[in-house]
Amino acid sequence: IFQIKVTDFKTIIESDSTLMTILFADLCKR
């Protein structure tokens, strides 16, 4: 496992639209 700080995760999803789309789709299923 790799740890990601919440503040850094916000930066990731704001800058990576592909990852954000995948995570939102997974979140809805979850």
All heavy atoms as atom14 arrays in JSON, in Angstrom:
{
  "sequence": "IFQIKVTDFKTIIESDSTLMTILFADLCKR",
  "atom14_mask": [
    [1, 1, 1, 1, 1, 1, 1, 1, 0, 0, 0, 0, 0, 0],
    [1, 1, 1, 1, 1, 1, 1, 1, 1, 1, 1, 0, 0, 0],
    [1, 1, 1, 1, 1, 1, 1, 1, 1, 0, 0, 0, 0, 0],
    [1, 1, 1, 1, 1, 1, 1, 1, 0, 0, 0, 0, 0, 0],
    [1, 1, 1, 1, 1, 1, 1, 1, 1, 0, 0, 0, 0, 0],
    [1, 1, 1, 1, 1, 1, 1, 0, 0, 0, 0, 0, 0, 0],
    [1, 1, 1, 1, 1, 1, 1, 0, 0, 0, 0, 0, 0, 0],
    [1, 1, 1, 1, 1, 1, 1, 1, 0, 0, 0, 0, 0, 0],
    [1, 1, 1, 1, 1, 1, 1, 1, 1, 1, 1, 0, 0, 0],
    [1, 1, 1, 1, 1, 1, 1, 1, 1, 0, 0, 0, 0, 0],
    [1, 1, 1, 1, 1, 1, 1, 0, 0, 0, 0, 0, 0, 0],
    [1, 1, 1, 1, 1, 1, 1, 1, 0, 0, 0, 0, 0, 0],
    [1, 1, 1, 1, 1, 1, 1, 1, 0, 0, 0, 0, 0, 0],
    [1, 1, 1, 1, 1, 1, 1, 1, 1, 0, 0, 0, 0, 0],
    [1, 1, 1, 1, 1, 1, 0, 0, 0, 0, 0, 0, 0, 0],
    [1, 1, 1, 1, 1, 1, 1, 1, 0, 0, 0, 0, 0, 0],
    [1, 1, 1, 1, 1, 1, 0, 0, 0, 0, 0, 0, 0, 0],
    [1, 1, 1, 1, 1, 1, 1, 0, 0, 0, 0, 0, 0, 0],
    [1, 1, 1, 1, 1, 1, 1, 1, 0, 0, 0, 0, 0, 0],
    [1, 1, 1, 1, 1, 1, 1, 1, 0, 0, 0, 0, 0, 0],
    [1, 1, 1, 1, 1, 1, 1, 0, 0, 0, 0, 0, 0, 0],
    [1, 1, 1, 1, 1, 1, 1, 1, 0, 0, 0, 0, 0, 0],
    [1, 1, 1, 1, 1, 1, 1, 1, 0, 0, 0, 0, 0, 0],
    [1, 1, 1, 1, 1, 1, 1, 1, 1, 1, 1, 0, 0, 0],
    [1, 1, 1, 1, 1, 0, 0, 0, 0, 0, 0, 0, 0, 0],
    [1, 1, 1, 1, 1, 1, 1, 1, 0, 0, 0, 0, 0, 0],
    [1, 1, 1, 1, 1, 1, 1, 1, 0, 0, 0, 0, 0, 0],
    [1, 1, 1, 1, 1, 1, 0, 0, 0, 0, 0, 0, 0, 0],
    [1, 1, 1, 1, 1, 1, 1, 1, 1, 0, 0, 0, 0, 0],
    [1, 1, 1, 1, 1, 1, 1, 1, 1, 1, 1, 0, 0, 0]
  ],
  "atom14_positions": [
    [[0.84, -1.2, 0.0], [0.0, 0.0, 0.0], [0.87, 1.25, 0.0], [1.9, 1.3, 0.67], [-0.91, 0.01, 1.25], [-1.89, -1.15, 1.19], [-1.67, 1.32, 1.38], [-2.7, -1.32, 2.44], [0.0, 0.0, 0.0], [0.0, 0.0, 0.0], [0.0, 0.0, 0.0], [0.0, 0.0, 0.0], [0.0, 0.0, 0.0], [0.0, 0.0, 0.0]],
    [[0.41, 2.25, -0.76], [1.08, 3.54, -0.78], [0.12, 4.59, -0.2], [-1.02, 4.69, -0.63], [1.49, 3.93, -2.2], [2.5, 2.99, -2.81], [2.08, 1.89, -3.55], [3.86, 3.19, -2.62], [3.01, 1.02, -4.1], [4.79, 2.32, -3.17], [4.36, 1.23, -3.91], [0.0, 0.0, 0.0], [0.0, 0.0, 0.0], [0.0, 0.0, 0.0]],
    [[0.61, 5.35, 0.75], [-0.2, 6.36, 1.42], [-0.25, 7.65, 0.61], [0.75, 8.08, 0.04], [0.41, 6.63, 2.79], [-0.33, 7.6, 3.67], [0.31, 7.65, 5.04], [0.22, 6.7, 5.82], [0.98, 8.75, 5.34], [0.0, 0.0, 0.0], [0.0, 0.0, 0.0], [0.0, 0.0, 0.0], [0.0, 0.0, 0.0], [0.0, 0.0, 0.0]],
    [[-1.46, 8.26, 0.54], [-1.63, 9.54, -0.16], [-2.34, 10.5, 0.79], [-3.45, 10.21, 1.25], [-2.48, 9.37, -1.44], [-1.96, 8.24, -2.32], [-2.52, 10.69, -2.22], [-2.89, 7.86, -3.45], [0.0, 0.0, 0.0], [0.0, 0.0, 0.0], [0.0, 0.0, 0.0], [0.0, 0.0, 0.0], [0.0, 0.0, 0.0], [0.0, 0.0, 0.0]],
    [[-1.74, 11.62, 1.08], [-2.37, 12.61, 1.94], [-3.62, 13.18, 1.26], [-3.65, 13.32, 0.03], [-1.39, 13.73, 2.28], [-0.21, 13.28, 3.12], [0.74, 14.43, 3.4], [1.93, 13.96, 4.25], [2.9, 15.05, 4.48], [0.0, 0.0, 0.0], [0.0, 0.0, 0.0], [0.0, 0.0, 0.0], [0.0, 0.0, 0.0], [0.0, 0.0, 0.0]],
    [[-4.64, 13.5, 2.05], [-5.9, 14.02, 1.51], [-5.66, 15.26, 0.65], [-6.24, 15.4, -0.44], [-6.89, 14.33, 2.65], [-8.05, 15.19, 2.15], [-7.44, 13.04, 3.25], [0.0, 0.0, 0.0], [0.0, 0.0, 0.0], [0.0, 0.0, 0.0], [0.0, 0.0, 0.0], [0.0, 0.0, 0.0], [0.0, 0.0, 0.0], [0.0, 0.0, 0.0]],
    [[-4.8, 16.14, 1.1], [-4.53, 17.36, 0.34], [-3.9, 17.04, -1.02], [-4.23, 17.67, -2.04], [-3.58, 18.29, 1.13], [-2.44, 17.52, 1.58], [-4.29, 18.88, 2.34], [0.0, 0.0, 0.0], [0.0, 0.0, 0.0], [0.0, 0.0, 0.0], [0.0, 0.0, 0.0], [0.0, 0.0, 0.0], [0.0, 0.0, 0.0], [0.0, 0.0, 0.0]],
    [[-3.03, 16.03, -1.04], [-2.41, 15.63, -2.31], [-3.42, 14.93, -3.21], [-3.38, 15.07, -4.44], [-1.22, 14.7, -2.05], [-0.03, 15.43, -1.45], [0.08, 16.64, -1.69], [0.77, 14.78, -0.75], [0.0, 0.0, 0.0], [0.0, 0.0, 0.0], [0.0, 0.0, 0.0], [0.0, 0.0, 0.0], [0.0, 0.0, 0.0], [0.0, 0.0, 0.0]],
    [[-4.34, 14.17, -2.6], [-5.36, 13.48, -3.4], [-6.26, 14.5, -4.1], [-6.65, 14.29, -5.26], [-6.2, 12.56, -2.51], [-7.17, 11.71, -3.27], [-6.73, 10.64, -4.04], [-8.53, 11.99, -3.24], [-7.63, 9.86, -4.76], [-9.43, 11.22, -3.95], [-8.98, 10.14, -4.71], [0.0, 0.0, 0.0], [0.0, 0.0, 0.0], [0.0, 0.0, 0.0]],
    [[-6.58, 15.6, -3.43], [-7.37, 16.67, -4.05], [-6.66, 17.21, -5.28], [-7.27, 17.44, -6.33], [-7.62, 17.8, -3.05], [-8.6, 17.46, -1.95], [-8.76, 18.64, -0.98], [-9.73, 18.29, 0.14], [-9.85, 19.41, 1.13], [0.0, 0.0, 0.0], [0.0, 0.0, 0.0], [0.0, 0.0, 0.0], [0.0, 0.0, 0.0], [0.0, 0.0, 0.0]],
    [[-5.36, 17.39, -5.15], [-4.55, 17.88, -6.28], [-4.58, 16.89, -7.44], [-4.72, 17.28, -8.61], [-3.09, 18.11, -5.85], [-3.06, 19.03, -4.76], [-2.25, 18.63, -6.99], [0.0, 0.0, 0.0], [0.0, 0.0, 0.0], [0.0, 0.0, 0.0], [0.0, 0.0, 0.0], [0.0, 0.0, 0.0], [0.0, 0.0, 0.0], [0.0, 0.0, 0.0]],
    [[-4.49, 15.59, -7.12], [-4.48, 14.55, -8.15], [-5.77, 14.58, -8.96], [-5.75, 14.6, -10.2], [-4.28, 13.16, -7.52], [-2.88, 13.02, -6.94], [-4.53, 12.06, -8.56], [-2.67, 11.74, -6.14], [0.0, 0.0, 0.0], [0.0, 0.0, 0.0], [0.0, 0.0, 0.0], [0.0, 0.0, 0.0], [0.0, 0.0, 0.0], [0.0, 0.0, 0.0]],
    [[-6.92, 14.55, -8.29], [-8.18, 14.46, -9.04], [-8.52, 15.76, -9.76], [-9.23, 15.76, -10.77], [-9.37, 14.05, -8.13], [-9.57, 15.06, -6.99], [-9.16, 12.64, -7.59], [-10.8, 14.74, -6.15], [0.0, 0.0, 0.0], [0.0, 0.0, 0.0], [0.0, 0.0, 0.0], [0.0, 0.0, 0.0], [0.0, 0.0, 0.0], [0.0, 0.0, 0.0]],
    [[-7.97, 16.88, -9.29], [-8.19, 18.15, -9.99], [-7.35, 18.25, -11.25], [-7.74, 18.94, -12.2], [-7.85, 19.33, -9.05], [-8.9, 19.55, -7.96], [-8.45, 20.56, -6.92], [-7.31, 21.08, -7.06], [-9.21, 20.83, -5.97], [0.0, 0.0, 0.0], [0.0, 0.0, 0.0], [0.0, 0.0, 0.0], [0.0, 0.0, 0.0], [0.0, 0.0, 0.0]],
    [[-6.23, 17.54, -11.28], [-5.32, 17.63, -12.42], [-5.4, 16.44, -13.37], [-4.88, 16.5, -14.48], [-3.88, 17.78, -11.93], [-3.5, 16.65, -11.15], [0.0, 0.0, 0.0], [0.0, 0.0, 0.0], [0.0, 0.0, 0.0], [0.0, 0.0, 0.0], [0.0, 0.0, 0.0], [0.0, 0.0, 0.0], [0.0, 0.0, 0.0], [0.0, 0.0, 0.0]],
    [[-6.05, 15.36, -12.94], [-6.12, 14.14, -13.76], [-7.59, 13.76, -13.97], [-8.19, 13.05, -13.17], [-5.37, 13.0, -13.05], [-5.14, 11.8, -13.95], [-5.97, 11.57, -14.86], [-4.14, 11.07, -13.74], [0.0, 0.0, 0.0], [0.0, 0.0, 0.0], [0.0, 0.0, 0.0], [0.0, 0.0, 0.0], [0.0, 0.0, 0.0], [0.0, 0.0, 0.0]],
    [[-8.17, 14.24, -15.07], [-9.59, 14.02, -15.33], [-9.93, 12.55, -15.58], [-11.01, 12.08, -15.23], [-10.05, 14.86, -16.53], [-9.31, 14.53, -17.69], [0.0, 0.0, 0.0], [0.0, 0.0, 0.0], [0.0, 0.0, 0.0], [0.0, 0.0, 0.0], [0.0, 0.0, 0.0], [0.0, 0.0, 0.0], [0.0, 0.0, 0.0], [0.0, 0.0, 0.0]],
    [[-8.99, 11.81, -16.18], [-9.24, 10.39, -16.45], [-9.36, 9.62, -15.14], [-10.29, 8.83, -14.95], [-8.09, 9.78, -17.28], [-7.97, 10.5, -18.5], [-8.37, 8.31, -17.58], [0.0, 0.0, 0.0], [0.0, 0.0, 0.0], [0.0, 0.0, 0.0], [0.0, 0.0, 0.0], [0.0, 0.0, 0.0], [0.0, 0.0, 0.0], [0.0, 0.0, 0.0]],
    [[-8.44, 9.88, -14.23], [-8.48, 9.21, -12.93], [-9.74, 9.61, -12.16], [-10.39, 8.77, -11.53], [-7.24, 9.55, -12.12], [-7.14, 8.93, -10.72], [-7.21, 7.41, -10.79], [-5.86, 9.36, -10.02], [0.0, 0.0, 0.0], [0.0, 0.0, 0.0], [0.0, 0.0, 0.0], [0.0, 0.0, 0.0], [0.0, 0.0, 0.0], [0.0, 0.0, 0.0]],
    [[-10.11, 10.88, -12.21], [-11.3, 11.34, -11.5], [-12.55, 10.64, -12.03], [-13.41, 10.22, -11.26], [-11.46, 12.86, -11.64], [-12.64, 13.41, -10.86], [-12.73, 15.22, -10.88], [-13.14, 15.5, -12.62], [0.0, 0.0, 0.0], [0.0, 0.0, 0.0], [0.0, 0.0, 0.0], [0.0, 0.0, 0.0], [0.0, 0.0, 0.0], [0.0, 0.0, 0.0]],
    [[-12.65, 10.46, -13.35], [-13.8, 9.79, -13.95], [-13.9, 8.34, -13.49], [-14.97, 7.85, -13.13], [-13.7, 9.82, -15.49], [-13.66, 11.19, -15.92], [-14.88, 9.12, -16.14], [0.0, 0.0, 0.0], [0.0, 0.0, 0.0], [0.0, 0.0, 0.0], [0.0, 0.0, 0.0], [0.0, 0.0, 0.0], [0.0, 0.0, 0.0], [0.0, 0.0, 0.0]],
    [[-12.75, 7.66, -13.46], [-12.73, 6.27, -13.02], [-13.12, 6.15, -11.56], [-13.91, 5.29, -11.17], [-11.32, 5.66, -13.25], [-11.06, 5.49, -14.75], [-11.18, 4.31, -12.53], [-9.65, 5.09, -15.08], [0.0, 0.0, 0.0], [0.0, 0.0, 0.0], [0.0, 0.0, 0.0], [0.0, 0.0, 0.0], [0.0, 0.0, 0.0], [0.0, 0.0, 0.0]],
    [[-12.58, 7.05, -10.73], [-12.88, 7.0, -9.3], [-14.34, 7.3, -9.01], [-14.95, 6.67, -8.15], [-11.98, 7.99, -8.55], [-10.5, 7.62, -8.47], [-9.71, 8.73, -7.79], [-10.3, 6.31, -7.73], [0.0, 0.0, 0.0], [0.0, 0.0, 0.0], [0.0, 0.0, 0.0], [0.0, 0.0, 0.0], [0.0, 0.0, 0.0], [0.0, 0.0, 0.0]],
    [[-14.94, 8.25, -9.74], [-16.35, 8.55, -9.55], [-17.22, 7.36, -9.95], [-18.21, 7.05, -9.28], [-16.76, 9.79, -10.35], [-16.65, 11.07, -9.57], [-15.8, 12.08, -9.99], [-17.38, 11.27, -8.41], [-15.68, 13.26, -9.28], [-17.27, 12.44, -7.68], [-16.42, 13.45, -8.12], [0.0, 0.0, 0.0], [0.0, 0.0, 0.0], [0.0, 0.0, 0.0]],
    [[-16.87, 6.7, -11.07], [-17.63, 5.53, -11.51], [-17.54, 4.41, -10.47], [-18.55, 3.78, -10.13], [-17.11, 5.05, -12.86], [0.0, 0.0, 0.0], [0.0, 0.0, 0.0], [0.0, 0.0, 0.0], [0.0, 0.0, 0.0], [0.0, 0.0, 0.0], [0.0, 0.0, 0.0], [0.0, 0.0, 0.0], [0.0, 0.0, 0.0], [0.0, 0.0, 0.0]],
    [[-16.32, 4.19, -9.94], [-16.13, 3.17, -8.91], [-16.89, 3.53, -7.63], [-17.47, 2.66, -6.97], [-14.64, 3.01, -8.58], [-13.87, 2.3, -9.68], [-14.52, 1.69, -10.56], [-12.63, 2.34, -9.65], [0.0, 0.0, 0.0], [0.0, 0.0, 0.0], [0.0, 0.0, 0.0], [0.0, 0.0, 0.0], [0.0, 0.0, 0.0], [0.0, 0.0, 0.0]],
    [[-16.9, 4.81, -7.3], [-17.58, 5.27, -6.09], [-19.08, 5.01, -6.17], [-19.7, 4.55, -5.21], [-17.32, 6.76, -5.88], [-17.96, 7.41, -4.64], [-17.43, 6.76, -3.37], [-17.69, 8.91, -4.63], [0.0, 0.0, 0.0], [0.0, 0.0, 0.0], [0.0, 0.0, 0.0], [0.0, 0.0, 0.0], [0.0, 0.0, 0.0], [0.0, 0.0, 0.0]],
    [[-19.68, 5.29, -7.33], [-21.12, 5.05, -7.52], [-21.45, 3.57, -7.36], [-22.43, 3.2, -6.7], [-21.56, 5.54, -8.89], [-21.53, 7.33, -9.07], [0.0, 0.0, 0.0], [0.0, 0.0, 0.0], [0.0, 0.0, 0.0], [0.0, 0.0, 0.0], [0.0, 0.0, 0.0], [0.0, 0.0, 0.0], [0.0, 0.0, 0.0], [0.0, 0.0, 0.0]],
    [[-20.63, 2.7, -7.95], [-20.84, 1.25, -7.83], [-20.7, 0.81, -6.38], [-21.45, -0.02, -5.88], [-19.83, 0.49, -8.7], [-20.03, 0.68, -10.19], [-18.92, -0.04, -10.96], [-19.03, 0.24, -12.46], [-17.89, -0.39, -13.19], [0.0, 0.0, 0.0], [0.0, 0.0, 0.0], [0.0, 0.0, 0.0], [0.0, 0.0, 0.0], [0.0, 0.0, 0.0]],
    [[-19.72, 1.4, -5.69], [-19.43, 1.03, -4.32], [-20.59, 1.41, -3.39], [-21.0, 0.63, -2.52], [-18.15, 1.73, -3.88], [-17.46, 1.1, -2.7], [-16.08, 1.71, -2.54], [-15.24, 1.47, -3.7], [-14.11, 2.1, -3.94], [-13.7, 3.05, -3.12], [-13.4, 1.8, -5.01], [0.0, 0.0, 0.0], [0.0, 0.0, 0.0], [0.0, 0.0, 0.0]]
  ]
}
